[in-house]
Structure formats: structure tokens, C-alpha cells
């Protein structure tokens, strides 16, 4: 079933570019988003039903990488990158310092919030990808390919 994604590599690149604004307006920076996407797999739910079929983000592996997101942000902060848009409430140097001091959104609650945000954002990406494929007239072909 992994081969169905091979046929949409170019479409994924297009959606990646178009989706960049949503990532930039999220709590994740581009490096964190890349790691989240590496841990996410896409499936087509109800692929045998043309009316109900939809791309879904399988985020089963994402919880394993959530702790690594803090490491990425810390490394970027150490390099002077800051990381993230502090106005979105999800990062920046102040949050990094708070985290290092054990204050604010750290711990299990912070990890759960990051996981929920990652799951929401990856599903928004999946929806954008399906919308793109539908507009390009490729959706039915991709759906059938998934079934093979």
C-alpha cells in the first residue's frame, strides 16, 4: 500500500509549499514540522467507497518524537535561531527559558498539547492534500491505487 504515495510525490511537494503558511502560524517551526511529518503516515480511509474515501493522518508514531521537538527548539535557541513565533503562544526564546527553568507548558501536559496540535495539523495537511488531488482530477486514481 505504500506505493500509492509514490504517485503523488510532486503533489505532496506542491501542498507542502502551499501549507507552509499554516505551519508558520502554528506552534511548530519548520524543523519540528519536518520531524512530525517523518513520523506521520497517510492512509485512505474507506478507500473502496468513492463518496466516503478520505486521506487520514496516521499519527501513531508521533508521540515517540514529541520529546525530540524540545531538543530541536533548544538547539535552535542555542544557535541564536530563537525558533517559533512567540506571538502564536507556542515557542520562542521566553518559552525556551521557561521550559529550561521548569516553568510553564512543560511536562506531560505540554507534551499532550503538542501531540494534539501535531495531530490536528497533520490532518489539516491530509485534507489539503486530498483537496489538491481532487482539484487536479487525480483523487479517484490515487484512491484506486491505494486499494491495489
C-alpha atoms as a PDB file:
ATOM      1  CA  UNK A   1       0.000   0.000   0.000  1.00  0.00           C
ATOM      2  CA  UNK A   2       2.949   2.363   0.402  1.00  0.00           C
ATOM      3  CA  UNK A   3       3.269   2.600  -3.389  1.00  0.00           C
ATOM      4  CA  UNK A   4       0.208   4.804  -3.710  1.00  0.00           C
ATOM      5  CA  UNK A   5       2.209   7.643  -2.185  1.00  0.00           C
ATOM      6  CA  UNK A   6       4.925   7.280  -4.826  1.00  0.00           C
ATOM      7  CA  UNK A   7       2.488   8.511  -7.468  1.00  0.00           C
ATOM      8  CA  UNK A   8       1.808  11.772  -5.628  1.00  0.00           C
ATOM      9  CA  UNK A   9       5.297  12.946  -4.718  1.00  0.00           C
ATOM     10  CA  UNK A  10       5.007  16.052  -6.896  1.00  0.00           C
ATOM     11  CA  UNK A  11       1.563  16.790  -5.494  1.00  0.00           C
ATOM     12  CA  UNK A  12       2.932  16.494  -1.953  1.00  0.00           C
ATOM     13  CA  UNK A  13       5.677  18.993  -2.794  1.00  0.00           C
ATOM     14  CA  UNK A  14       3.063  21.449  -4.079  1.00  0.00           C
ATOM     15  CA  UNK A  15       0.895  21.005  -0.985  1.00  0.00           C
ATOM     16  CA  UNK A  16       3.989  21.357   1.228  1.00  0.00           C
ATOM     17  CA  UNK A  17       4.663  24.797  -0.283  1.00  0.00           C
ATOM     18  CA  UNK A  18       1.022  25.843  -0.020  1.00  0.00           C
ATOM     19  CA  UNK A  19       0.750  24.530   3.555  1.00  0.00           C
ATOM     20  CA  UNK A  20       3.858  26.375   4.743  1.00  0.00           C
ATOM     21  CA  UNK A  21       1.839  29.376   5.986  1.00  0.00           C
ATOM     22  CA  UNK A  22      -0.227  27.132   8.254  1.00  0.00           C
ATOM     23  CA  UNK A  23       2.936  25.599   9.671  1.00  0.00           C
ATOM     24  CA  UNK A  24       4.468  29.036  10.236  1.00  0.00           C
ATOM     25  CA  UNK A  25       1.308  30.111  12.088  1.00  0.00           C
ATOM     26  CA  UNK A  26       1.393  27.017  14.288  1.00  0.00           C
ATOM     27  CA  UNK A  27       3.426  26.263  17.406  1.00  0.00           C
ATOM     28  CA  UNK A  28       5.932  24.296  15.293  1.00  0.00           C
ATOM     29  CA  UNK A  29       8.904  25.575  13.338  1.00  0.00           C
ATOM     30  CA  UNK A  30       9.855  24.020  10.009  1.00  0.00           C
ATOM     31  CA  UNK A  31      12.368  21.579  11.527  1.00  0.00           C
ATOM     32  CA  UNK A  32       9.815  20.364  14.065  1.00  0.00           C
ATOM     33  CA  UNK A  33       7.176  20.039  11.355  1.00  0.00           C
ATOM     34  CA  UNK A  34       9.589  18.003   9.239  1.00  0.00           C
ATOM     35  CA  UNK A  35      10.116  15.599  12.122  1.00  0.00           C
ATOM     36  CA  UNK A  36       6.369  15.334  12.723  1.00  0.00           C
ATOM     37  CA  UNK A  37       5.784  14.591   9.040  1.00  0.00           C
ATOM     38  CA  UNK A  38       8.507  11.930   9.091  1.00  0.00           C
ATOM     39  CA  UNK A  39       6.644  10.188  11.915  1.00  0.00           C
ATOM     40  CA  UNK A  40       3.268  10.514  10.159  1.00  0.00           C
ATOM     41  CA  UNK A  41       1.920   8.078   7.610  1.00  0.00           C
ATOM     42  CA  UNK A  42      -1.059   8.708   5.399  1.00  0.00           C
ATOM     43  CA  UNK A  43      -3.805   6.226   4.681  1.00  0.00           C
ATOM     44  CA  UNK A  44      -7.044   6.366   2.766  1.00  0.00           C
ATOM     45  CA  UNK A  45      -9.996   5.565   4.970  1.00  0.00           C
ATOM     46  CA  UNK A  46     -12.991   3.937   3.214  1.00  0.00           C
ATOM     47  CA  UNK A  47     -10.956   3.723   0.003  1.00  0.00           C
ATOM     48  CA  UNK A  48     -13.477   1.317  -1.534  1.00  0.00           C
ATOM     49  CA  UNK A  49     -16.257   3.936  -1.293  1.00  0.00           C
ATOM     50  CA  UNK A  50     -15.733   6.858  -3.692  1.00  0.00           C
ATOM     51  CA  UNK A  51     -18.147   9.063  -1.720  1.00  0.00           C
ATOM     52  CA  UNK A  52     -16.694   8.382   1.745  1.00  0.00           C
ATOM     53  CA  UNK A  53     -12.985   7.904   0.957  1.00  0.00           C
ATOM     54  CA  UNK A  54     -10.659  10.383   2.584  1.00  0.00           C
ATOM     55  CA  UNK A  55      -6.984  10.749   3.385  1.00  0.00           C
ATOM     56  CA  UNK A  56      -6.269  10.431   7.094  1.00  0.00           C
ATOM     57  CA  UNK A  57      -3.083  11.107   9.004  1.00  0.00           C
ATOM     58  CA  UNK A  58      -1.860   8.090  10.957  1.00  0.00           C
ATOM     59  CA  UNK A  59      -0.027   9.729  13.851  1.00  0.00           C
ATOM     60  CA  UNK A  60       0.585   6.549  15.836  1.00  0.00           C
ATOM     61  CA  UNK A  61       4.360   7.161  15.847  1.00  0.00           C
ATOM     62  CA  UNK A  62       4.214  10.887  16.597  1.00  0.00           C
ATOM     63  CA  UNK A  63       4.133  10.526  20.425  1.00  0.00           C
ATOM     64  CA  UNK A  64       7.585   8.923  20.203  1.00  0.00           C
ATOM     65  CA  UNK A  65       9.105  12.072  18.689  1.00  0.00           C
ATOM     66  CA  UNK A  66       7.347  14.715  20.814  1.00  0.00           C
ATOM     67  CA  UNK A  67      10.240  14.861  23.354  1.00  0.00           C
ATOM     68  CA  UNK A  68      12.646  15.414  20.456  1.00  0.00           C
ATOM     69  CA  UNK A  69      10.759  18.581  19.479  1.00  0.00           C
ATOM     70  CA  UNK A  70      12.056  20.247  22.634  1.00  0.00           C
ATOM     71  CA  UNK A  71      15.601  19.238  21.689  1.00  0.00           C
ATOM     72  CA  UNK A  72      15.211  20.810  18.252  1.00  0.00           C
ATOM     73  CA  UNK A  73      13.932  24.050  19.765  1.00  0.00           C
ATOM     74  CA  UNK A  74      16.724  24.085  22.364  1.00  0.00           C
ATOM     75  CA  UNK A  75      19.386  23.541  19.699  1.00  0.00           C
ATOM     76  CA  UNK A  76      17.936  26.311  17.551  1.00  0.00           C
ATOM     77  CA  UNK A  77      17.811  28.644  20.552  1.00  0.00           C
ATOM     78  CA  UNK A  78      21.433  27.852  21.357  1.00  0.00           C
ATOM     79  CA  UNK A  79      22.384  28.744  17.786  1.00  0.00           C
ATOM     80  CA  UNK A  80      20.541  32.054  18.050  1.00  0.00           C
ATOM     81  CA  UNK A  81      17.651  30.869  15.890  1.00  0.00           C
ATOM     82  CA  UNK A  82      15.033  31.583  18.529  1.00  0.00           C
ATOM     83  CA  UNK A  83      12.611  29.162  16.978  1.00  0.00           C
ATOM     84  CA  UNK A  84       8.919  29.648  16.515  1.00  0.00           C
ATOM     85  CA  UNK A  85       6.670  32.634  16.593  1.00  0.00           C
ATOM     86  CA  UNK A  86       6.232  33.682  20.199  1.00  0.00           C
ATOM     87  CA  UNK A  87       3.056  35.583  19.309  1.00  0.00           C
ATOM     88  CA  UNK A  88       1.363  32.269  18.484  1.00  0.00           C
ATOM     89  CA  UNK A  89       1.902  31.181  22.061  1.00  0.00           C
ATOM     90  CA  UNK A  90       3.921  28.188  21.046  1.00  0.00           C
ATOM     91  CA  UNK A  91       7.581  28.892  21.313  1.00  0.00           C
ATOM     92  CA  UNK A  92      10.237  31.488  21.175  1.00  0.00           C
ATOM     93  CA  UNK A  93      13.075  32.248  23.478  1.00  0.00           C
ATOM     94  CA  UNK A  94      10.938  33.140  26.507  1.00  0.00           C
ATOM     95  CA  UNK A  95       9.163  29.777  26.355  1.00  0.00           C
ATOM     96  CA  UNK A  96      12.512  28.035  25.919  1.00  0.00           C
ATOM     97  CA  UNK A  97      13.832  29.730  29.052  1.00  0.00           C
ATOM     98  CA  UNK A  98      10.646  28.937  30.975  1.00  0.00           C
ATOM     99  CA  UNK A  99      10.937  25.325  29.887  1.00  0.00           C
ATOM    100  CA  UNK A 100      14.570  25.155  30.970  1.00  0.00           C
ATOM    101  CA  UNK A 101      13.585  26.526  34.378  1.00  0.00           C
ATOM    102  CA  UNK A 102      10.713  24.052  34.690  1.00  0.00           C
ATOM    103  CA  UNK A 103       8.065  26.752  34.382  1.00  0.00           C
ATOM    104  CA  UNK A 104       5.144  26.920  32.016  1.00  0.00           C
ATOM    105  CA  UNK A 105       3.934  24.409  29.457  1.00  0.00           C
ATOM    106  CA  UNK A 106       6.421  21.660  30.041  1.00  0.00           C
ATOM    107  CA  UNK A 107       5.919  18.137  31.295  1.00  0.00           C
ATOM    108  CA  UNK A 108       3.179  15.715  30.359  1.00  0.00           C
ATOM    109  CA  UNK A 109       0.563  18.433  29.866  1.00  0.00           C
ATOM    110  CA  UNK A 110       2.821  20.311  27.461  1.00  0.00           C
ATOM    111  CA  UNK A 111       3.642  17.110  25.577  1.00  0.00           C
ATOM    112  CA  UNK A 112      -0.058  16.236  25.319  1.00  0.00           C
ATOM    113  CA  UNK A 113      -0.832  19.690  23.923  1.00  0.00           C
ATOM    114  CA  UNK A 114       1.966  19.365  21.371  1.00  0.00           C
ATOM    115  CA  UNK A 115       0.681  15.942  20.362  1.00  0.00           C
ATOM    116  CA  UNK A 116      -2.864  17.249  19.930  1.00  0.00           C
ATOM    117  CA  UNK A 117      -1.607  20.190  17.875  1.00  0.00           C
ATOM    118  CA  UNK A 118       0.536  17.871  15.730  1.00  0.00           C
ATOM    119  CA  UNK A 119      -2.412  15.535  15.146  1.00  0.00           C
ATOM    120  CA  UNK A 120      -4.685  18.430  14.204  1.00  0.00           C
ATOM    121  CA  UNK A 121      -2.124  19.970  11.858  1.00  0.00           C
ATOM    122  CA  UNK A 122      -1.258  16.694  10.125  1.00  0.00           C
ATOM    123  CA  UNK A 123      -4.956  16.044   9.490  1.00  0.00           C
ATOM    124  CA  UNK A 124      -5.317  19.564   8.073  1.00  0.00           C
ATOM    125  CA  UNK A 125      -2.405  18.693   5.790  1.00  0.00           C
ATOM    126  CA  UNK A 126      -4.123  15.433   4.768  1.00  0.00           C
ATOM    127  CA  UNK A 127      -7.296  17.369   3.972  1.00  0.00           C
ATOM    128  CA  UNK A 128      -5.316  19.896   1.919  1.00  0.00           C
ATOM    129  CA  UNK A 129      -3.607  17.054   0.038  1.00  0.00           C
ATOM    130  CA  UNK A 130      -6.921  15.399  -0.784  1.00  0.00           C
ATOM    131  CA  UNK A 131      -8.398  18.731  -1.865  1.00  0.00           C
ATOM    132  CA  UNK A 132      -5.393  19.288  -4.142  1.00  0.00           C
ATOM    133  CA  UNK A 133      -5.740  15.812  -5.674  1.00  0.00           C
ATOM    134  CA  UNK A 134      -9.455  16.349  -6.251  1.00  0.00           C
ATOM    135  CA  UNK A 135      -8.847  19.704  -7.971  1.00  0.00           C
ATOM    136  CA  UNK A 136      -6.192  18.104 -10.199  1.00  0.00           C
ATOM    137  CA  UNK A 137      -8.525  15.228 -11.125  1.00  0.00           C
ATOM    138  CA  UNK A 138      -6.180  12.646  -9.575  1.00  0.00           C
ATOM    139  CA  UNK A 139      -8.157  11.666  -6.487  1.00  0.00           C
ATOM    140  CA  UNK A 140     -10.011   8.672  -7.958  1.00  0.00           C
ATOM    141  CA  UNK A 141      -6.814   7.270  -9.483  1.00  0.00           C
ATOM    142  CA  UNK A 142      -4.974   7.632  -6.147  1.00  0.00           C
ATOM    143  CA  UNK A 143      -7.861   6.067  -4.237  1.00  0.00           C
ATOM    144  CA  UNK A 144      -7.948   3.052  -6.565  1.00  0.00           C
ATOM    145  CA  UNK A 145      -4.168   2.759  -6.405  1.00  0.00           C
ATOM    146  CA  UNK A 146      -4.403   2.588  -2.608  1.00  0.00           C
ATOM    147  CA  UNK A 147      -6.704  -0.438  -2.884  1.00  0.00           C
ATOM    148  CA  UNK A 148      -4.213  -2.383  -5.011  1.00  0.00           C
END
